[in-house]
C-alpha atoms as a PDB file:
ATOM      1  CA  MET A   1       4.537 190.251  94.778  1.00  0.00           C
ATOM      2  CA  ARG A   2       1.581 188.715  93.019  1.00  0.00           C
ATOM      3  CA  GLN A   3       3.518 185.518  92.365  1.00  0.00           C
ATOM      4  CA  ARG A   4       4.337 185.160  96.080  1.00  0.00           C
ATOM      5  CA  LEU A   5       0.662 185.340  97.069  1.00  0.00           C
ATOM      6  CA  ASP A   6      -0.213 182.663  94.525  1.00  0.00           C
ATOM      7  CA  GLU A   7       2.516 180.378  95.874  1.00  0.00           C
ATOM      8  CA  ARG A   8       1.175 180.687  99.415  1.00  0.00           C
ATOM      9  CA  ALA A   9      -2.316 179.853  98.269  1.00  0.00           C
ATOM     10  CA  VAL A  10      -1.129 176.655  96.588  1.00  0.00           C
ATOM     11  CA  ARG A  11       0.951 175.386  99.517  1.00  0.00           C
ATOM     12  CA  PRO A  12      -0.821 172.973 101.826  1.00  0.00           C
ATOM     13  CA  PRO A  13      -1.310 174.161 105.398  1.00  0.00           C
ATOM     14  CA  ARG A  14       1.439 173.183 107.814  1.00  0.00           C
ATOM     15  CA  ARG A  15       0.698 170.461 110.286  1.00  0.00           C
ATOM     16  CA  PRO A  16       1.402 171.280 113.906  1.00  0.00           C
ATOM     17  CA  ARG A  17       4.503 169.629 115.303  1.00  0.00           C
ATOM     18  CA  LEU A  18       4.146 167.047 118.052  1.00  0.00           C
ATOM     19  CA  THR A  19       5.571 168.031 121.388  1.00  0.00           C
ATOM     20  CA  GLU A  20       7.665 165.663 123.458  1.00  0.00           C
ATOM     21  CA  GLN A  21       4.734 165.287 125.865  1.00  0.00           C
ATOM     22  CA  ASP A  22       2.491 164.220 122.964  1.00  0.00           C
ATOM     23  CA  ARG A  23       5.014 161.592 121.877  1.00  0.00           C
ATOM     24  CA  GLN A  24       5.295 160.220 125.409  1.00  0.00           C
ATOM     25  CA  ASP A  25       1.511 160.086 125.792  1.00  0.00           C
ATOM     26  CA  TRP A  26       1.202 158.199 122.500  1.00  0.00           C
ATOM     27  CA  ALA A  27       3.962 155.742 123.399  1.00  0.00           C
ATOM     28  CA  ARG A  28       2.373 155.098 126.801  1.00  0.00           C
ATOM     29  CA  PHE A  29      -0.972 154.430 125.118  1.00  0.00           C
ATOM     30  CA  ALA A  30       0.556 152.226 122.414  1.00  0.00           C
ATOM     31  CA  SER A  31       2.320 150.112 125.046  1.00  0.00           C
ATOM     32  CA  LEU A  32      -1.096 149.065 126.401  1.00  0.00           C
ATOM     33  CA  ILE A  33      -2.127 147.527 123.088  1.00  0.00           C
ATOM     34  CA  SER A  34      -0.932 144.137 121.908  1.00  0.00           C
ATOM     35  CA  PRO A  35       0.602 144.246 118.414  1.00  0.00           C
ATOM     36  CA  LEU A  36      -0.768 142.376 115.419  1.00  0.00           C
ATOM     37  CA  PRO A  37       0.863 139.045 114.552  1.00  0.00           C
ATOM     38  CA  GLY A  38       4.190 139.662 112.814  1.00  0.00           C
ATOM     39  CA  ARG A  39       4.568 143.183 114.224  1.00  0.00           C
ATOM     40  CA  THR A  40       6.690 144.360 117.107  1.00  0.00           C
ATOM     41  CA  ALA A  41       5.440 146.448 119.971  1.00  0.00           C
ATOM     42  CA  ILE A  42       6.432 150.085 120.227  1.00  0.00           C
ATOM     43  CA  GLU A  43       8.650 150.625 123.175  1.00  0.00           C
ATOM     44  CA  ALA A  44       7.852 153.532 125.429  1.00  0.00           C
ATOM     45  CA  PRO A  45      10.682 156.039 125.527  1.00  0.00           C
ATOM     46  CA  PRO A  46      12.141 156.693 128.955  1.00  0.00           C
ATOM     47  CA  GLU A  47      10.353 159.555 130.569  1.00  0.00           C
ATOM     48  CA  ALA A  48      12.501 162.612 130.665  1.00  0.00           C
ATOM     49  CA  PRO A  49      12.117 164.910 133.609  1.00  0.00           C
ATOM     50  CA  SER A  50       9.923 167.664 132.369  1.00  0.00           C
ATOM     51  CA  THR A  51       9.416 171.134 133.628  1.00  0.00           C
ATOM     52  CA  ALA A  52       5.922 171.137 132.187  1.00  0.00           C
ATOM     53  CA  PRO A  53       2.966 171.088 134.547  1.00  0.00           C
ATOM     54  CA  ALA A  54       1.339 167.771 135.476  1.00  0.00           C
ATOM     55  CA  ALA A  55      -0.496 165.894 132.762  1.00  0.00           C
ATOM     56  CA  ARG A  56      -3.856 167.366 131.962  1.00  0.00           C
ATOM     57  CA  PRO A  57      -6.889 165.174 132.712  1.00  0.00           C
ATOM     58  CA  VAL A  58      -8.326 163.260 129.793  1.00  0.00           C
ATOM     59  CA  GLU A  59     -11.943 163.982 128.959  1.00  0.00           C
ATOM     60  CA  ILE A  60     -14.054 161.036 127.946  1.00  0.00           C
ATOM     61  CA  LEU A  61     -16.966 161.911 125.730  1.00  0.00           C
ATOM     62  CA  VAL A  62     -19.968 159.696 126.261  1.00  0.00           C
ATOM     63  CA  ARG A  63     -22.813 159.772 123.808  1.00  0.00           C
ATOM     64  CA  LYS A  64     -26.093 160.246 125.587  1.00  0.00           C
ATOM     65  CA  PRO A  65     -28.832 157.866 124.492  1.00  0.00           C
ATOM     66  CA  SER A  66     -31.562 159.478 122.472  1.00  0.00           C
ATOM     67  CA  PRO A  67     -34.657 160.108 124.544  1.00  0.00           C
ATOM     68  CA  LEU A  68     -37.580 157.788 124.051  1.00  0.00           C
ATOM     69  CA  PRO A  69     -40.639 159.221 122.369  1.00  0.00           C
ATOM     70  CA  SER A  70     -43.472 160.303 124.636  1.00  0.00           C
ATOM     71  CA  ALA A  71     -45.746 157.646 126.115  1.00  0.00           C
ATOM     72  CA  LEU A  72     -48.124 156.024 123.674  1.00  0.00           C
ATOM     73  CA  ALA A  73     -51.802 155.589 124.479  1.00  0.00           C
ATOM     74  CA  VAL A  74     -54.200 153.599 122.321  1.00  0.00           C
ATOM     75  CA  GLY A  75     -56.601 155.905 120.494  1.00  0.00           C
ATOM     76  CA  THR A  76     -54.847 159.234 121.103  1.00  0.00           C
ATOM     77  CA  HIS A  77     -53.353 161.372 118.352  1.00  0.00           C
ATOM     78  CA  PRO A  78     -49.565 161.269 118.821  1.00  0.00           C
ATOM     79  CA  GLY A  79     -47.274 164.194 118.174  1.00  0.00           C
ATOM     80  CA  GLY A  80     -45.342 164.064 114.923  1.00  0.00           C
ATOM     81  CA  LEU A  81     -48.228 162.664 112.893  1.00  0.00           C
ATOM     82  CA  ASP A  82     -50.255 164.899 110.597  1.00  0.00           C
ATOM     83  CA  ASN A  83     -54.040 165.015 110.892  1.00  0.00           C
ATOM     84  CA  GLY A  84     -54.684 163.482 107.477  1.00  0.00           C
ATOM     85  CA  THR A  85     -52.599 160.374 108.173  1.00  0.00           C
ATOM     86  CA  TRP A  86     -54.072 160.054 111.671  1.00  0.00           C
ATOM     87  CA  ASN A  87     -57.639 160.228 110.319  1.00  0.00           C
ATOM     88  CA  ARG A  88     -56.934 157.662 107.578  1.00  0.00           C
ATOM     89  CA  PHE A  89     -55.268 155.362 110.106  1.00  0.00           C
ATOM     90  CA  ARG A  90     -57.986 155.743 112.764  1.00  0.00           C
ATOM     91  CA  SER A  91     -60.868 155.289 110.313  1.00  0.00           C
ATOM     92  CA  GLY A  92     -59.350 152.103 108.872  1.00  0.00           C
ATOM     93  CA  LYS A  93     -58.502 153.430 105.411  1.00  0.00           C
ATOM     94  CA  LEU A  94     -54.909 152.339 105.993  1.00  0.00           C
ATOM     95  CA  ALA A  95     -55.397 148.576 105.933  1.00  0.00           C
ATOM     96  CA  PRO A  96     -53.094 146.363 108.011  1.00  0.00           C
ATOM     97  CA  MET A  97     -50.561 144.373 106.027  1.00  0.00           C
ATOM     98  CA  ARG A  98     -49.976 141.803 108.797  1.00  0.00           C
ATOM     99  CA  THR A  99     -52.019 140.455 111.685  1.00  0.00           C
ATOM    100  CA  LEU A 100     -50.977 138.810 114.947  1.00  0.00           C
ATOM    101  CA  ASP A 101     -53.504 136.892 117.058  1.00  0.00           C
ATOM    102  CA  LEU A 102     -52.535 136.551 120.721  1.00  0.00           C
ATOM    103  CA  HIS A 103     -55.580 134.494 121.787  1.00  0.00           C
ATOM    104  CA  GLY A 104     -54.837 131.504 123.991  1.00  0.00           C
ATOM    105  CA  ARG A 105     -51.281 132.515 124.896  1.00  0.00           C
ATOM    106  CA  THR A 106     -49.837 133.206 128.285  1.00  0.00           C
ATOM    107  CA  ALA A 107     -48.781 136.795 128.927  1.00  0.00           C
ATOM    108  CA  GLN A 108     -45.106 135.937 128.626  1.00  0.00           C
ATOM    109  CA  ARG A 109     -45.502 134.075 125.332  1.00  0.00           C
ATOM    110  CA  ALA A 110     -47.776 136.811 124.011  1.00  0.00           C
ATOM    111  CA  PHE A 111     -45.171 139.462 124.823  1.00  0.00           C
ATOM    112  CA  HIS A 112     -42.364 137.559 123.100  1.00  0.00           C
ATOM    113  CA  ALA A 113     -44.580 136.938 120.060  1.00  0.00           C
ATOM    114  CA  LEU A 114     -45.485 140.644 119.918  1.00  0.00           C
ATOM    115  CA  GLU A 115     -41.868 141.724 120.226  1.00  0.00           C
ATOM    116  CA  SER A 116     -40.617 139.452 117.438  1.00  0.00           C
ATOM    117  CA  PHE A 117     -43.653 140.306 115.266  1.00  0.00           C
ATOM    118  CA  LEU A 118     -43.080 144.069 115.531  1.00  0.00           C
ATOM    119  CA  HIS A 119     -39.329 143.839 114.948  1.00  0.00           C
ATOM    120  CA  ALA A 120     -39.877 141.659 111.859  1.00  0.00           C
ATOM    121  CA  ALA A 121     -42.597 143.953 110.495  1.00  0.00           C
ATOM    122  CA  HIS A 122     -40.442 147.027 111.057  1.00  0.00           C
ATOM    123  CA  ALA A 123     -37.464 145.357 109.349  1.00  0.00           C
ATOM    124  CA  ASP A 124     -39.703 144.499 106.371  1.00  0.00           C
ATOM    125  CA  GLN A 125     -40.881 148.134 106.227  1.00  0.00           C
ATOM    126  CA  VAL A 126     -44.501 147.253 106.940  1.00  0.00           C
ATOM    127  CA  ARG A 127     -46.434 150.399 107.844  1.00  0.00           C
ATOM    128  CA  VAL A 128     -49.668 149.136 109.484  1.00  0.00           C
ATOM    129  CA  VAL A 129     -50.183 145.961 111.515  1.00  0.00           C
ATOM    130  CA  GLU A 130     -53.075 144.645 113.579  1.00  0.00           C
ATOM    131  CA  VAL A 131     -52.734 142.834 116.887  1.00  0.00           C
ATOM    132  CA  ILE A 132     -55.706 140.907 118.255  1.00  0.00           C
ATOM    133  CA  THR A 133     -55.551 140.810 122.038  1.00  0.00           C
ATOM    134  CA  GLY A 134     -59.074 139.536 122.642  1.00  0.00           C
ATOM    135  CA  ARG A 135     -61.724 141.134 124.815  1.00  0.00           C
ATOM    136  CA  GLY A 136     -61.065 138.977 127.845  1.00  0.00           C
ATOM    137  CA  SER A 137     -63.560 138.013 130.505  1.00  0.00           C
ATOM    138  CA  GLY A 138     -64.047 140.648 133.114  1.00  0.00           C
ATOM    139  CA  GLU A 139     -64.725 144.339 133.424  1.00  0.00           C
ATOM    140  CA  THR A 140     -61.238 145.477 132.423  1.00  0.00           C
ATOM    141  CA  GLY A 141     -60.623 142.688 129.936  1.00  0.00           C
ATOM    142  CA  GLY A 142     -58.029 139.945 129.932  1.00  0.00           C
ATOM    143  CA  VAL A 143     -54.421 140.073 131.042  1.00  0.00           C
ATOM    144  CA  ILE A 144     -53.038 140.561 127.534  1.00  0.00           C
ATOM    145  CA  ARG A 145     -55.432 143.418 126.797  1.00  0.00           C
ATOM    146  CA  ARG A 146     -54.521 145.153 130.072  1.00  0.00           C
ATOM    147  CA  GLU A 147     -50.761 144.700 129.586  1.00  0.00           C
ATOM    148  CA  PHE A 148     -50.683 145.581 125.885  1.00  0.00           C
ATOM    149  CA  PRO A 149     -50.358 149.407 126.302  1.00  0.00           C
ATOM    150  CA  LEU A 150     -47.569 148.877 128.837  1.00  0.00           C
ATOM    151  CA  TRP A 151     -45.701 146.595 126.425  1.00  0.00           C
ATOM    152  CA  LEU A 152     -45.916 149.196 123.652  1.00  0.00           C
ATOM    153  CA  ASN A 153     -44.180 151.749 125.894  1.00  0.00           C
ATOM    154  CA  LEU A 154     -41.218 149.519 126.760  1.00  0.00           C
ATOM    155  CA  PRO A 155     -37.829 150.775 125.474  1.00  0.00           C
ATOM    156  CA  SER A 156     -37.499 147.834 123.069  1.00  0.00           C
ATOM    157  CA  LEU A 157     -40.841 148.497 121.320  1.00  0.00           C
ATOM    158  CA  ARG A 158     -41.630 152.200 121.746  1.00  0.00           C
ATOM    159  CA  PRO A 159     -39.185 153.420 119.059  1.00  0.00           C
ATOM    160  CA  LEU A 160     -40.916 151.165 116.511  1.00  0.00           C
ATOM    161  CA  VAL A 161     -44.528 152.301 117.037  1.00  0.00           C
ATOM    162  CA  LEU A 162     -45.801 155.722 115.995  1.00  0.00           C
ATOM    163  CA  ALA A 163     -49.522 155.390 116.776  1.00  0.00           C
ATOM    164  CA  ALA A 164     -52.083 152.906 118.091  1.00  0.00           C
ATOM    165  CA  SER A 165     -55.834 152.827 117.653  1.00  0.00           C
ATOM    166  CA  HIS A 166     -58.774 150.447 117.839  1.00  0.00           C
ATOM    167  CA  PRO A 167     -60.141 149.731 114.367  1.00  0.00           C
ATOM    168  CA  HIS A 168     -63.682 150.255 115.694  1.00  0.00           C
ATOM    169  CA  ASP A 169     -64.964 151.787 118.923  1.00  0.00           C
ATOM    170  CA  LYS A 170     -67.066 148.712 119.677  1.00  0.00           C
ATOM    171  CA  ASN A 171     -64.075 146.355 119.291  1.00  0.00           C
ATOM    172  CA  PRO A 172     -61.552 146.921 122.114  1.00  0.00           C
ATOM    173  CA  GLY A 173     -60.044 143.452 121.547  1.00  0.00           C
ATOM    174  CA  SER A 174     -58.083 144.517 118.489  1.00  0.00           C
ATOM    175  CA  VAL A 175     -55.466 147.255 118.072  1.00  0.00           C
ATOM    176  CA  ARG A 176     -53.976 148.624 114.888  1.00  0.00           C
ATOM    177  CA  LEU A 177     -50.434 149.934 115.056  1.00  0.00           C
ATOM    178  CA  LEU A 178     -48.832 152.469 112.743  1.00  0.00           C
ATOM    179  CA  LEU A 179     -45.115 151.672 112.657  1.00  0.00           C
ATOM    180  CA  ARG A 180     -42.367 154.203 112.140  1.00  0.00           C
ATOM    181  CA  ARG A 181     -40.432 154.189 108.922  1.00  0.00           C
ATOM    182  CA  PRO A 182     -36.954 152.693 109.287  1.00  0.00           C
ATOM    183  CA  ARG A 183     -34.107 155.200 109.102  1.00  0.00           C
END
């Protein structure tokens, strides 16, 4: 008796047998695919009249895109960042490793420069960067300074940036960005 139990434990589990419906489904699917060079196509077997119910519907699983992080505002403490890191970043103790100056550019060229700059910095695993937008002339500042927070919240840039802050309260023409670590 003991020997029989040991034999069962050693045997690999049995694979389920394919039904005729499974074989027909596979052959129908394989007939839609062109064979590799030097191979012959699998011919679909003639469909036998079956007494089985109609073919069950095929479920297609679609992966939902991951939700974007919450909106980013310059100077606000974002979720997911501890207080110590936020205070070091906001006070300027985390020095920027790269700087981008957007002075004298049109809004479109500034956006493209910002996008390529942030993607390159993120790929190089840079943690803190500084972007100089300029103060602009007017009450609300220049076009680049006004558009900058909107650009940071676009789907192409928002996953890269964890936090944004002005390096000094009296200097709204410069923004430091804390980038996320690459995964």
